[in-house]
N, C-alpha and C. Protein backbone atom coordinates (compact mmCIF):
# COMPACT_ATOMS: atom_id res chain seq x y z
N MET A 1 15.39 58.45 -1.63
CA MET A 1 16.76 58.12 -1.26
C MET A 1 17.18 56.80 -1.92
N PRO A 2 18.26 56.79 -2.70
CA PRO A 2 18.67 55.57 -3.40
C PRO A 2 19.11 54.47 -2.43
N VAL A 3 18.91 53.24 -2.85
CA VAL A 3 19.31 52.09 -2.05
C VAL A 3 20.79 51.80 -2.31
N LYS A 4 21.53 51.66 -1.25
CA LYS A 4 22.96 51.37 -1.38
C LYS A 4 23.34 50.19 -0.49
N THR A 5 24.40 49.51 -0.87
CA THR A 5 24.92 48.41 -0.07
C THR A 5 26.43 48.38 -0.19
N ASN A 6 27.08 47.82 0.80
CA ASN A 6 28.54 47.71 0.79
C ASN A 6 28.99 46.57 -0.10
N ILE A 7 30.17 46.74 -0.66
CA ILE A 7 30.81 45.68 -1.44
C ILE A 7 32.00 45.17 -0.65
N TYR A 8 32.07 43.86 -0.49
CA TYR A 8 33.13 43.24 0.31
C TYR A 8 34.08 42.46 -0.60
N ASN A 9 35.31 42.30 -0.12
CA ASN A 9 36.25 41.45 -0.83
C ASN A 9 36.20 40.03 -0.25
N GLN A 10 37.08 39.16 -0.70
CA GLN A 10 37.05 37.78 -0.26
C GLN A 10 37.42 37.62 1.20
N ASN A 11 38.03 38.63 1.78
CA ASN A 11 38.40 38.57 3.20
C ASN A 11 37.32 39.15 4.11
N GLY A 12 36.22 39.63 3.50
CA GLY A 12 35.13 40.18 4.30
C GLY A 12 35.31 41.63 4.66
N ASP A 13 36.21 42.33 3.97
CA ASP A 13 36.46 43.75 4.24
C ASP A 13 35.67 44.61 3.26
N ILE A 14 35.17 45.75 3.75
CA ILE A 14 34.44 46.68 2.89
C ILE A 14 35.44 47.41 1.99
N ILE A 15 35.17 47.40 0.68
CA ILE A 15 36.08 48.07 -0.25
C ILE A 15 35.42 49.22 -0.99
N SER A 16 34.09 49.17 -1.12
CA SER A 16 33.39 50.25 -1.82
C SER A 16 31.89 50.15 -1.54
N GLU A 17 31.13 50.98 -2.25
CA GLU A 17 29.69 51.00 -2.07
C GLU A 17 29.01 50.89 -3.44
N LEU A 18 27.86 50.24 -3.46
CA LEU A 18 27.16 50.01 -4.72
C LEU A 18 25.74 50.54 -4.63
N LYS A 19 25.35 51.29 -5.66
CA LYS A 19 23.99 51.82 -5.74
C LYS A 19 23.10 50.79 -6.42
N LEU A 20 21.92 50.56 -5.82
CA LEU A 20 20.99 49.56 -6.32
C LEU A 20 19.72 50.21 -6.84
N ALA A 21 19.08 49.53 -7.78
CA ALA A 21 17.82 50.04 -8.35
C ALA A 21 16.69 49.91 -7.34
N ASP A 22 15.92 50.98 -7.17
CA ASP A 22 14.83 50.97 -6.20
C ASP A 22 13.75 49.95 -6.55
N ASP A 23 13.45 49.80 -7.83
CA ASP A 23 12.39 48.88 -8.22
C ASP A 23 12.86 47.44 -8.34
N VAL A 24 14.06 47.17 -7.82
CA VAL A 24 14.56 45.80 -7.76
C VAL A 24 14.90 45.40 -6.33
N PHE A 25 15.52 46.31 -5.59
CA PHE A 25 15.98 46.00 -4.24
C PHE A 25 15.29 46.82 -3.16
N ALA A 26 14.21 47.50 -3.51
CA ALA A 26 13.44 48.24 -2.51
C ALA A 26 11.95 48.06 -2.78
N VAL A 27 11.57 46.84 -3.05
CA VAL A 27 10.18 46.52 -3.38
C VAL A 27 9.48 45.98 -2.14
N LYS A 28 8.28 46.51 -1.88
CA LYS A 28 7.50 46.02 -0.75
C LYS A 28 7.01 44.62 -1.04
N ILE A 29 7.18 43.73 -0.07
CA ILE A 29 6.87 42.33 -0.31
C ILE A 29 5.37 42.07 -0.24
N ASN A 30 4.90 41.25 -1.16
CA ASN A 30 3.53 40.77 -1.19
C ASN A 30 3.59 39.25 -1.03
N GLU A 31 3.25 38.76 0.16
CA GLU A 31 3.41 37.35 0.47
C GLU A 31 2.56 36.45 -0.44
N ASP A 32 1.39 36.92 -0.82
CA ASP A 32 0.53 36.12 -1.69
C ASP A 32 1.17 35.92 -3.06
N LEU A 33 1.76 36.97 -3.60
CA LEU A 33 2.40 36.87 -4.92
C LEU A 33 3.63 35.97 -4.85
N VAL A 34 4.42 36.12 -3.79
CA VAL A 34 5.61 35.27 -3.62
C VAL A 34 5.20 33.81 -3.51
N HIS A 35 4.15 33.56 -2.74
CA HIS A 35 3.67 32.18 -2.59
C HIS A 35 3.17 31.62 -3.92
N GLN A 36 2.48 32.43 -4.69
CA GLN A 36 1.97 31.98 -5.99
C GLN A 36 3.11 31.63 -6.93
N ALA A 37 4.15 32.45 -6.95
CA ALA A 37 5.30 32.18 -7.81
C ALA A 37 6.04 30.93 -7.37
N MET A 38 6.15 30.73 -6.06
CA MET A 38 6.82 29.55 -5.54
C MET A 38 6.05 28.28 -5.88
N VAL A 39 4.72 28.31 -5.69
CA VAL A 39 3.89 27.15 -5.99
C VAL A 39 3.94 26.83 -7.48
N CYS A 40 3.94 27.86 -8.31
CA CYS A 40 4.00 27.67 -9.75
C CYS A 40 5.29 26.97 -10.16
N GLN A 41 6.41 27.39 -9.62
CA GLN A 41 7.69 26.79 -9.99
C GLN A 41 7.78 25.34 -9.51
N THR A 42 7.39 25.09 -8.26
CA THR A 42 7.47 23.73 -7.74
C THR A 42 6.52 22.79 -8.48
N SER A 43 5.36 23.30 -8.88
CA SER A 43 4.40 22.47 -9.62
C SER A 43 4.94 22.12 -11.00
N ASN A 44 5.58 23.09 -11.65
CA ASN A 44 6.13 22.84 -12.99
C ASN A 44 7.34 21.92 -12.94
N ASP A 45 8.03 21.90 -11.81
CA ASP A 45 9.19 21.01 -11.66
C ASP A 45 8.80 19.61 -11.19
N ARG A 46 7.55 19.43 -10.84
CA ARG A 46 7.11 18.15 -10.28
C ARG A 46 7.14 17.05 -11.33
N GLN A 47 7.72 15.92 -10.96
CA GLN A 47 7.76 14.76 -11.83
C GLN A 47 6.63 13.80 -11.47
N VAL A 48 5.88 13.39 -12.46
CA VAL A 48 4.78 12.45 -12.24
C VAL A 48 5.32 11.04 -12.43
N LEU A 49 5.61 10.36 -11.32
CA LEU A 49 6.22 9.04 -11.37
C LEU A 49 5.23 7.92 -11.02
N ALA A 50 4.34 8.16 -10.07
CA ALA A 50 3.42 7.12 -9.63
C ALA A 50 2.41 6.81 -10.74
N HIS A 51 2.25 5.52 -11.02
CA HIS A 51 1.33 5.11 -12.08
C HIS A 51 0.78 3.73 -11.76
N THR A 52 -0.52 3.65 -11.57
CA THR A 52 -1.15 2.36 -11.30
C THR A 52 -1.88 1.86 -12.54
N LYS A 53 -2.08 0.55 -12.60
CA LYS A 53 -2.74 -0.06 -13.75
C LYS A 53 -4.23 -0.26 -13.47
N THR A 54 -5.01 -0.03 -14.49
CA THR A 54 -6.45 -0.27 -14.38
C THR A 54 -6.75 -1.74 -14.67
N LYS A 55 -8.01 -2.09 -14.60
CA LYS A 55 -8.44 -3.46 -14.88
C LYS A 55 -8.05 -3.90 -16.28
N ALA A 56 -8.09 -2.96 -17.22
CA ALA A 56 -7.77 -3.28 -18.61
C ALA A 56 -6.28 -3.48 -18.84
N GLU A 57 -5.43 -2.95 -17.94
CA GLU A 57 -3.98 -3.01 -18.15
C GLU A 57 -3.31 -4.14 -17.38
N VAL A 58 -3.98 -4.67 -16.35
CA VAL A 58 -3.38 -5.73 -15.55
C VAL A 58 -3.34 -7.02 -16.37
N ARG A 59 -2.26 -7.76 -16.24
CA ARG A 59 -2.10 -8.99 -17.01
C ARG A 59 -3.04 -10.09 -16.49
N GLY A 60 -3.60 -10.85 -17.44
CA GLY A 60 -4.47 -11.97 -17.09
C GLY A 60 -5.92 -11.56 -16.96
N GLY A 61 -6.73 -12.51 -16.47
CA GLY A 61 -8.14 -12.22 -16.23
C GLY A 61 -9.00 -12.26 -17.47
N GLY A 62 -8.52 -12.89 -18.53
CA GLY A 62 -9.30 -12.93 -19.76
C GLY A 62 -10.46 -13.92 -19.71
N LYS A 63 -10.26 -14.96 -18.93
CA LYS A 63 -11.30 -16.00 -18.85
C LYS A 63 -12.25 -15.72 -17.68
N LYS A 64 -13.50 -15.97 -17.88
CA LYS A 64 -14.48 -15.79 -16.81
C LYS A 64 -14.21 -16.85 -15.72
N PRO A 65 -14.03 -16.42 -14.45
CA PRO A 65 -13.64 -17.36 -13.38
C PRO A 65 -14.58 -18.55 -13.23
N TRP A 66 -15.87 -18.34 -13.29
CA TRP A 66 -16.87 -19.41 -13.22
C TRP A 66 -18.13 -18.97 -13.95
N LYS A 67 -19.00 -19.91 -14.17
CA LYS A 67 -20.20 -19.59 -14.93
C LYS A 67 -21.07 -18.60 -14.18
N GLN A 68 -21.95 -17.95 -14.90
CA GLN A 68 -22.75 -16.86 -14.36
C GLN A 68 -23.72 -17.35 -13.27
N LYS A 69 -24.34 -18.49 -13.48
CA LYS A 69 -25.37 -18.96 -12.55
C LYS A 69 -25.09 -20.38 -12.08
N GLY A 70 -25.70 -20.73 -10.96
CA GLY A 70 -25.69 -22.10 -10.49
C GLY A 70 -24.59 -22.49 -9.53
N THR A 71 -23.64 -21.59 -9.27
CA THR A 71 -22.54 -21.95 -8.36
C THR A 71 -22.81 -21.50 -6.93
N GLY A 72 -23.74 -20.57 -6.74
CA GLY A 72 -24.00 -20.04 -5.41
C GLY A 72 -23.07 -18.89 -5.03
N ARG A 73 -22.14 -18.61 -5.89
CA ARG A 73 -21.21 -17.51 -5.61
C ARG A 73 -21.63 -16.24 -6.37
N ALA A 74 -21.06 -15.13 -5.97
CA ALA A 74 -21.37 -13.87 -6.64
C ALA A 74 -20.88 -13.91 -8.07
N ARG A 75 -21.55 -13.16 -8.91
CA ARG A 75 -21.16 -13.09 -10.31
C ARG A 75 -19.77 -12.47 -10.46
N ALA A 76 -18.96 -13.02 -11.34
CA ALA A 76 -17.61 -12.51 -11.59
C ALA A 76 -17.29 -12.64 -13.07
N GLY A 77 -16.84 -11.55 -13.64
CA GLY A 77 -16.52 -11.57 -15.07
C GLY A 77 -15.03 -11.65 -15.33
N SER A 78 -14.21 -11.28 -14.33
CA SER A 78 -12.76 -11.29 -14.52
C SER A 78 -12.07 -11.41 -13.17
N SER A 79 -10.98 -12.12 -13.14
CA SER A 79 -10.18 -12.25 -11.89
C SER A 79 -9.29 -11.03 -11.69
N ARG A 80 -9.35 -10.09 -12.59
CA ARG A 80 -8.55 -8.87 -12.45
C ARG A 80 -9.43 -7.66 -12.11
N SER A 81 -10.60 -7.94 -11.58
CA SER A 81 -11.48 -6.88 -11.11
C SER A 81 -10.83 -6.15 -9.94
N PRO A 82 -11.07 -4.86 -9.75
CA PRO A 82 -10.46 -4.12 -8.64
C PRO A 82 -10.75 -4.71 -7.26
N ILE A 83 -11.81 -5.50 -7.12
CA ILE A 83 -12.13 -6.07 -5.80
C ILE A 83 -11.41 -7.40 -5.57
N TRP A 84 -10.67 -7.85 -6.56
CA TRP A 84 -9.90 -9.08 -6.43
C TRP A 84 -8.44 -8.76 -6.13
N ILE A 85 -7.80 -9.68 -5.39
CA ILE A 85 -6.36 -9.53 -5.14
C ILE A 85 -5.62 -9.69 -6.45
N GLY A 86 -4.73 -8.77 -6.75
CA GLY A 86 -4.00 -8.80 -8.01
C GLY A 86 -4.74 -8.12 -9.14
N GLY A 87 -5.88 -7.54 -8.82
CA GLY A 87 -6.65 -6.86 -9.85
C GLY A 87 -6.19 -5.43 -10.08
N GLY A 88 -6.90 -4.73 -10.95
CA GLY A 88 -6.57 -3.35 -11.24
C GLY A 88 -6.89 -2.43 -10.07
N VAL A 89 -6.43 -1.20 -10.17
CA VAL A 89 -6.63 -0.20 -9.11
C VAL A 89 -7.65 0.83 -9.58
N THR A 90 -8.60 1.12 -8.70
CA THR A 90 -9.62 2.11 -9.01
C THR A 90 -9.20 3.48 -8.51
N PHE A 91 -9.24 4.48 -9.35
CA PHE A 91 -8.91 5.86 -9.00
C PHE A 91 -7.49 6.01 -8.44
N GLY A 92 -6.56 5.20 -8.94
CA GLY A 92 -5.17 5.31 -8.50
C GLY A 92 -4.45 6.41 -9.25
N PRO A 93 -3.23 6.77 -8.81
CA PRO A 93 -2.46 7.81 -9.50
C PRO A 93 -2.05 7.36 -10.90
N ARG A 94 -2.10 8.29 -11.83
CA ARG A 94 -1.77 7.99 -13.22
C ARG A 94 -0.69 8.96 -13.72
N LYS A 95 0.16 8.48 -14.63
CA LYS A 95 1.28 9.29 -15.10
C LYS A 95 0.88 10.37 -16.09
N ASP A 96 -0.38 10.35 -16.52
CA ASP A 96 -0.82 11.37 -17.48
C ASP A 96 -1.39 12.61 -16.79
N ARG A 97 -1.22 12.70 -15.45
CA ARG A 97 -1.70 13.88 -14.74
C ARG A 97 -0.82 15.09 -15.07
N ASN A 98 -1.42 16.25 -15.06
CA ASN A 98 -0.71 17.49 -15.39
C ASN A 98 -0.80 18.45 -14.20
N PHE A 99 0.35 18.69 -13.56
CA PHE A 99 0.39 19.57 -12.40
C PHE A 99 0.91 20.97 -12.74
N SER A 100 1.20 21.22 -13.99
CA SER A 100 1.79 22.50 -14.38
C SER A 100 0.84 23.66 -14.13
N LYS A 101 1.42 24.80 -13.77
CA LYS A 101 0.66 26.03 -13.53
C LYS A 101 1.30 27.16 -14.33
N LYS A 102 0.52 28.19 -14.57
CA LYS A 102 1.01 29.34 -15.33
C LYS A 102 0.99 30.60 -14.47
N ILE A 103 1.97 31.43 -14.72
CA ILE A 103 2.02 32.74 -14.05
C ILE A 103 2.64 33.73 -15.03
N ASN A 104 2.16 34.94 -15.01
CA ASN A 104 2.68 35.96 -15.93
C ASN A 104 4.16 36.23 -15.66
N LYS A 105 4.88 36.55 -16.72
CA LYS A 105 6.31 36.80 -16.59
C LYS A 105 6.59 37.97 -15.65
N LYS A 106 5.79 39.03 -15.76
CA LYS A 106 6.00 40.21 -14.90
C LYS A 106 5.71 39.88 -13.44
N MET A 107 4.73 39.02 -13.20
CA MET A 107 4.43 38.62 -11.83
C MET A 107 5.57 37.80 -11.23
N ARG A 108 6.12 36.90 -12.04
CA ARG A 108 7.24 36.07 -11.58
C ARG A 108 8.47 36.93 -11.27
N GLN A 109 8.76 37.88 -12.14
CA GLN A 109 9.90 38.76 -11.91
C GLN A 109 9.68 39.66 -10.70
N LYS A 110 8.44 40.12 -10.53
CA LYS A 110 8.11 40.97 -9.39
C LYS A 110 8.32 40.21 -8.08
N ALA A 111 7.89 38.96 -8.05
CA ALA A 111 8.06 38.14 -6.85
C ALA A 111 9.54 37.93 -6.54
N LEU A 112 10.34 37.77 -7.59
CA LEU A 112 11.78 37.59 -7.41
C LEU A 112 12.43 38.83 -6.80
N THR A 113 12.04 40.01 -7.30
CA THR A 113 12.58 41.25 -6.75
C THR A 113 12.13 41.47 -5.31
N MET A 114 10.94 41.00 -4.96
CA MET A 114 10.45 41.12 -3.59
C MET A 114 11.32 40.33 -2.62
N VAL A 115 11.69 39.13 -3.02
CA VAL A 115 12.53 38.30 -2.16
C VAL A 115 13.94 38.90 -2.05
N LEU A 116 14.46 39.41 -3.16
CA LEU A 116 15.77 40.06 -3.12
C LEU A 116 15.74 41.29 -2.20
N SER A 117 14.67 42.06 -2.29
CA SER A 117 14.53 43.24 -1.43
C SER A 117 14.44 42.85 0.03
N ASP A 118 13.74 41.77 0.30
CA ASP A 118 13.60 41.29 1.68
C ASP A 118 14.95 40.84 2.24
N ARG A 119 15.72 40.14 1.44
CA ARG A 119 17.04 39.69 1.89
C ARG A 119 17.95 40.88 2.19
N LEU A 120 17.89 41.91 1.35
CA LEU A 120 18.74 43.08 1.55
C LEU A 120 18.32 43.88 2.78
N SER A 121 17.02 44.12 2.92
CA SER A 121 16.53 44.94 4.04
C SER A 121 16.75 44.28 5.39
N ASN A 122 16.78 42.96 5.44
CA ASN A 122 16.97 42.25 6.70
C ASN A 122 18.42 41.88 6.98
N GLY A 123 19.33 42.37 6.15
CA GLY A 123 20.75 42.10 6.38
C GLY A 123 21.18 40.70 6.03
N ASN A 124 20.45 40.06 5.14
CA ASN A 124 20.76 38.69 4.75
C ASN A 124 21.32 38.59 3.33
N MET A 125 21.82 39.70 2.82
CA MET A 125 22.42 39.70 1.48
C MET A 125 23.75 40.44 1.52
N VAL A 126 24.78 39.79 1.01
CA VAL A 126 26.13 40.36 0.97
C VAL A 126 26.63 40.35 -0.46
N VAL A 127 27.16 41.49 -0.90
CA VAL A 127 27.71 41.62 -2.26
C VAL A 127 29.23 41.57 -2.17
N VAL A 128 29.83 40.66 -2.94
CA VAL A 128 31.29 40.56 -3.00
C VAL A 128 31.76 41.05 -4.37
N ASP A 129 32.93 41.64 -4.40
CA ASP A 129 33.42 42.21 -5.66
C ASP A 129 33.66 41.12 -6.70
N LYS A 130 34.27 40.03 -6.27
CA LYS A 130 34.52 38.90 -7.16
C LYS A 130 34.98 37.72 -6.31
N LEU A 131 34.97 36.57 -6.90
CA LEU A 131 35.45 35.37 -6.21
C LEU A 131 36.28 34.57 -7.19
N GLU A 132 37.55 34.40 -6.85
CA GLU A 132 38.46 33.65 -7.70
C GLU A 132 39.12 32.55 -6.89
N MET A 133 39.18 31.37 -7.47
CA MET A 133 39.82 30.22 -6.83
C MET A 133 41.01 29.80 -7.66
N ALA A 134 42.18 29.71 -7.01
CA ALA A 134 43.39 29.30 -7.72
C ALA A 134 43.42 27.81 -7.95
N ASP A 135 42.70 27.06 -7.10
CA ASP A 135 42.71 25.60 -7.21
C ASP A 135 41.41 25.04 -6.67
N PHE A 136 41.23 23.74 -6.81
CA PHE A 136 40.04 23.06 -6.28
C PHE A 136 40.27 22.78 -4.79
N LYS A 137 39.88 23.71 -3.94
CA LYS A 137 40.13 23.57 -2.50
C LYS A 137 38.87 23.90 -1.71
N THR A 138 38.25 22.88 -1.14
CA THR A 138 37.06 23.09 -0.33
C THR A 138 37.38 23.86 0.94
N LYS A 139 38.54 23.60 1.52
CA LYS A 139 38.94 24.28 2.76
C LYS A 139 39.08 25.78 2.54
N VAL A 140 39.68 26.16 1.43
CA VAL A 140 39.86 27.58 1.12
C VAL A 140 38.51 28.25 0.90
N PHE A 141 37.62 27.57 0.18
CA PHE A 141 36.30 28.14 -0.07
C PHE A 141 35.50 28.23 1.22
N ASN A 142 35.63 27.24 2.09
CA ASN A 142 34.91 27.26 3.36
C ASN A 142 35.37 28.42 4.24
N ASN A 143 36.64 28.74 4.19
CA ASN A 143 37.16 29.89 4.95
C ASN A 143 36.56 31.19 4.43
N PHE A 144 36.39 31.28 3.12
CA PHE A 144 35.75 32.46 2.53
C PHE A 144 34.31 32.59 3.02
N VAL A 145 33.57 31.50 3.03
CA VAL A 145 32.18 31.53 3.49
C VAL A 145 32.11 31.90 4.97
N ASN A 146 33.03 31.38 5.77
CA ASN A 146 33.05 31.70 7.20
C ASN A 146 33.24 33.19 7.44
N LYS A 147 34.10 33.83 6.66
CA LYS A 147 34.34 35.26 6.82
C LYS A 147 33.11 36.08 6.41
N ILE A 148 32.44 35.66 5.33
CA ILE A 148 31.26 36.39 4.86
C ILE A 148 30.09 36.19 5.83
N GLU A 149 30.01 35.01 6.43
CA GLU A 149 28.90 34.73 7.35
C GLU A 149 28.89 35.66 8.55
N LEU A 150 30.05 36.17 8.93
CA LEU A 150 30.13 37.09 10.07
C LEU A 150 29.41 38.40 9.79
N ILE A 151 29.17 38.69 8.51
CA ILE A 151 28.53 39.95 8.12
C ILE A 151 27.01 39.86 8.24
N PHE A 152 26.47 38.67 8.00
CA PHE A 152 25.01 38.50 8.04
C PHE A 152 24.47 38.79 9.43
N SER A 153 23.33 39.47 9.47
CA SER A 153 22.71 39.82 10.74
C SER A 153 22.23 38.60 11.51
N THR A 154 21.74 37.59 10.81
CA THR A 154 21.18 36.41 11.49
C THR A 154 22.27 35.47 11.98
N GLU A 155 23.51 35.67 11.54
CA GLU A 155 24.57 34.77 11.96
C GLU A 155 25.14 35.14 13.32
N LYS A 156 24.61 36.18 13.95
CA LYS A 156 25.05 36.54 15.29
C LYS A 156 24.61 35.49 16.30
N ASP A 157 23.54 34.78 15.97
CA ASP A 157 23.07 33.69 16.81
C ASP A 157 23.74 32.41 16.31
N LYS A 158 24.65 31.86 17.08
CA LYS A 158 25.43 30.71 16.66
C LYS A 158 24.60 29.43 16.60
N LYS A 159 23.36 29.47 17.11
CA LYS A 159 22.51 28.30 17.05
C LYS A 159 22.00 28.04 15.63
N ASN A 160 22.04 29.08 14.80
CA ASN A 160 21.57 28.93 13.43
C ASN A 160 22.54 28.09 12.61
N LYS A 161 22.02 27.10 11.94
CA LYS A 161 22.85 26.29 11.05
C LYS A 161 23.08 27.06 9.75
N ARG A 162 24.17 26.72 9.09
CA ARG A 162 24.51 27.41 7.84
C ARG A 162 23.41 27.23 6.81
N SER A 163 23.01 28.33 6.21
CA SER A 163 22.01 28.33 5.16
C SER A 163 22.35 29.47 4.20
N VAL A 164 23.19 29.17 3.21
CA VAL A 164 23.73 30.22 2.33
C VAL A 164 23.57 29.81 0.87
N LEU A 165 23.08 30.75 0.08
CA LEU A 165 23.01 30.58 -1.36
C LEU A 165 23.99 31.56 -2.00
N PHE A 166 24.85 31.05 -2.86
CA PHE A 166 25.82 31.89 -3.55
C PHE A 166 25.44 31.99 -5.02
N VAL A 167 25.26 33.22 -5.51
CA VAL A 167 24.90 33.46 -6.90
C VAL A 167 26.10 34.06 -7.61
N ASN A 168 26.61 33.33 -8.58
CA ASN A 168 27.78 33.77 -9.33
C ASN A 168 27.34 34.25 -10.71
N ASP A 169 28.07 35.20 -11.27
CA ASP A 169 27.69 35.75 -12.56
C ASP A 169 27.96 34.79 -13.71
N ASN A 170 28.89 33.88 -13.53
CA ASN A 170 29.14 32.88 -14.56
C ASN A 170 29.56 31.56 -13.90
N LYS A 171 29.55 30.52 -14.68
CA LYS A 171 29.87 29.20 -14.15
C LYS A 171 31.37 29.04 -14.04
N ASP A 172 31.83 28.73 -12.82
CA ASP A 172 33.24 28.52 -12.55
C ASP A 172 33.41 27.11 -11.98
N GLU A 173 34.11 26.28 -12.69
CA GLU A 173 34.24 24.87 -12.29
C GLU A 173 34.99 24.73 -10.97
N LYS A 174 36.00 25.56 -10.74
CA LYS A 174 36.77 25.48 -9.50
C LYS A 174 35.92 25.86 -8.30
N ILE A 175 35.11 26.91 -8.45
CA ILE A 175 34.24 27.33 -7.36
C ILE A 175 33.16 26.28 -7.10
N PHE A 176 32.57 25.77 -8.17
CA PHE A 176 31.49 24.80 -8.03
C PHE A 176 31.96 23.53 -7.32
N LYS A 177 33.09 22.98 -7.75
CA LYS A 177 33.57 21.74 -7.16
C LYS A 177 34.15 21.95 -5.76
N SER A 178 34.61 23.14 -5.48
CA SER A 178 35.12 23.43 -4.13
C SER A 178 34.00 23.59 -3.13
N ALA A 179 32.79 23.93 -3.63
CA ALA A 179 31.68 24.22 -2.72
C ALA A 179 30.66 23.10 -2.62
N ARG A 180 30.72 22.11 -3.49
CA ARG A 180 29.63 21.14 -3.58
C ARG A 180 29.51 20.22 -2.37
N ASN A 181 30.56 20.10 -1.56
CA ASN A 181 30.49 19.22 -0.38
C ASN A 181 30.15 19.97 0.90
N LEU A 182 29.96 21.27 0.82
CA LEU A 182 29.64 22.05 2.02
C LEU A 182 28.17 21.86 2.39
N VAL A 183 27.92 21.59 3.66
CA VAL A 183 26.55 21.38 4.15
C VAL A 183 25.87 22.73 4.35
N GLY A 184 24.62 22.83 3.92
CA GLY A 184 23.87 24.07 4.09
C GLY A 184 24.29 25.16 3.13
N PHE A 185 24.93 24.79 2.05
CA PHE A 185 25.43 25.77 1.08
C PHE A 185 25.09 25.31 -0.33
N ASN A 186 24.70 26.25 -1.17
CA ASN A 186 24.42 25.93 -2.56
C ASN A 186 24.90 27.08 -3.44
N ILE A 187 25.37 26.73 -4.62
CA ILE A 187 25.86 27.72 -5.55
C ILE A 187 25.14 27.55 -6.88
N ILE A 188 24.65 28.65 -7.43
CA ILE A 188 23.95 28.60 -8.71
C ILE A 188 24.48 29.72 -9.61
N ASN A 189 24.31 29.53 -10.89
CA ASN A 189 24.67 30.54 -11.88
C ASN A 189 23.57 31.60 -11.93
N LEU A 190 23.90 32.80 -12.30
CA LEU A 190 22.92 33.88 -12.37
C LEU A 190 21.76 33.53 -13.29
N GLU A 191 22.03 32.83 -14.37
CA GLU A 191 20.98 32.47 -15.31
C GLU A 191 19.97 31.50 -14.69
N ASN A 192 20.36 30.83 -13.62
CA ASN A 192 19.47 29.88 -12.96
C ASN A 192 18.84 30.45 -11.69
N LEU A 193 18.92 31.76 -11.51
CA LEU A 193 18.34 32.39 -10.33
C LEU A 193 16.84 32.15 -10.31
N ASN A 194 16.34 31.64 -9.19
CA ASN A 194 14.92 31.32 -9.09
C ASN A 194 14.43 31.58 -7.67
N ILE A 195 13.12 31.70 -7.54
CA ILE A 195 12.53 32.09 -6.27
C ILE A 195 12.57 30.98 -5.23
N VAL A 196 12.54 29.73 -5.67
CA VAL A 196 12.55 28.60 -4.73
C VAL A 196 13.88 28.54 -3.98
N ASP A 197 15.00 28.68 -4.70
CA ASP A 197 16.31 28.67 -4.04
C ASP A 197 16.48 29.88 -3.13
N LEU A 198 15.98 31.03 -3.55
CA LEU A 198 16.08 32.23 -2.72
C LEU A 198 15.32 32.07 -1.41
N LEU A 199 14.18 31.40 -1.47
CA LEU A 199 13.38 31.18 -0.26
C LEU A 199 13.94 30.05 0.59
N LYS A 200 14.59 29.10 -0.03
CA LYS A 200 15.09 27.93 0.69
C LYS A 200 16.25 28.28 1.60
N TYR A 201 17.10 29.21 1.16
CA TYR A 201 18.30 29.55 1.94
C TYR A 201 18.11 30.90 2.61
N ARG A 202 18.56 30.98 3.86
CA ARG A 202 18.35 32.18 4.67
C ARG A 202 19.22 33.35 4.22
N ASN A 203 20.45 33.08 3.84
CA ASN A 203 21.39 34.14 3.48
C ASN A 203 21.78 34.04 2.01
N LEU A 204 22.15 35.18 1.45
CA LEU A 204 22.49 35.27 0.04
C LEU A 204 23.82 35.99 -0.15
N ILE A 205 24.73 35.34 -0.88
CA ILE A 205 25.98 35.96 -1.31
C ILE A 205 25.92 36.10 -2.82
N ILE A 206 26.21 37.29 -3.31
CA ILE A 206 26.10 37.53 -4.75
C ILE A 206 27.25 38.43 -5.20
N THR A 207 27.76 38.19 -6.39
CA THR A 207 28.87 38.98 -6.89
C THR A 207 28.37 40.33 -7.41
N GLU A 208 29.28 41.29 -7.47
CA GLU A 208 28.93 42.65 -7.92
C GLU A 208 28.44 42.65 -9.36
N SER A 209 29.08 41.91 -10.23
CA SER A 209 28.66 41.87 -11.62
C SER A 209 27.28 41.24 -11.78
N ALA A 210 26.96 40.26 -10.93
CA ALA A 210 25.64 39.65 -10.96
C ALA A 210 24.57 40.65 -10.53
N VAL A 211 24.87 41.46 -9.52
CA VAL A 211 23.93 42.49 -9.07
C VAL A 211 23.69 43.51 -10.17
N ASN A 212 24.75 43.93 -10.85
CA ASN A 212 24.60 44.89 -11.94
C ASN A 212 23.73 44.33 -13.07
N THR A 213 23.88 43.05 -13.35
CA THR A 213 23.05 42.41 -14.38
C THR A 213 21.59 42.37 -13.95
N ILE A 214 21.35 42.05 -12.67
CA ILE A 214 19.98 42.02 -12.14
C ILE A 214 19.37 43.41 -12.19
N ASN A 215 20.16 44.42 -11.86
CA ASN A 215 19.67 45.81 -11.91
C ASN A 215 19.17 46.17 -13.31
N LYS A 216 19.93 45.79 -14.33
CA LYS A 216 19.55 46.11 -15.70
C LYS A 216 18.36 45.25 -16.18
N ARG A 217 18.36 43.99 -15.76
CA ARG A 217 17.38 43.04 -16.27
C ARG A 217 15.98 43.30 -15.71
N TYR A 218 15.89 43.64 -14.43
CA TYR A 218 14.59 43.74 -13.77
C TYR A 218 14.16 45.18 -13.50
N THR A 219 14.94 46.15 -13.94
CA THR A 219 14.53 47.55 -13.73
C THR A 219 13.34 47.86 -14.60
N ASN A 220 12.34 48.50 -14.01
CA ASN A 220 11.12 48.86 -14.76
C ASN A 220 11.43 50.02 -15.68
N LYS A 221 11.31 49.78 -16.98
CA LYS A 221 11.64 50.81 -17.99
C LYS A 221 10.41 51.52 -18.51
N ASN A 222 9.25 51.18 -17.98
CA ASN A 222 8.02 51.84 -18.46
C ASN A 222 7.90 53.25 -17.91
């Protein structure tokens, strides 16, 4: 039986029905694979900022603090030893660390389709025919989101805070600037679709043209 979903307009009314690819929106979820893809992306996005200096990099300490013998004190070769205040750091974080991970392209795409399938099966994905903004108006865009939120199954509980990801087929400056101040809402271009954003937000709004592109892009042709 083919997977189908309703298509809504900007007012939240059903206008038609859309057939979806089974191997994109009806995939059984594998939590281990989804977790692996998520860890891989976050690791590759990680910035290595912390960097400590070793004994050789700390300024000063070129002169031997005191002679080797005869003072009664412990031997010391440099005042920048790690055991001295102001000295180098032993085993501290370094900026040359590499946290990047690799994952096969097919595995990454499979994990993405699993999350999309999960959102659809649980009633957390809504397809809109299109979204057009006549002007830069946050209030108008917020009214649109409020109408679509009534469709989501999880929004029946009013205790839930807004958590919506909007995927648009192309970059629209009016939509982006109208939505950027909304709390619990994020908008991304289809080309930037990723598993971390899909997992971060509870609900998904996506345009019909974006769904058609995903159907063609991730359908198994083998």
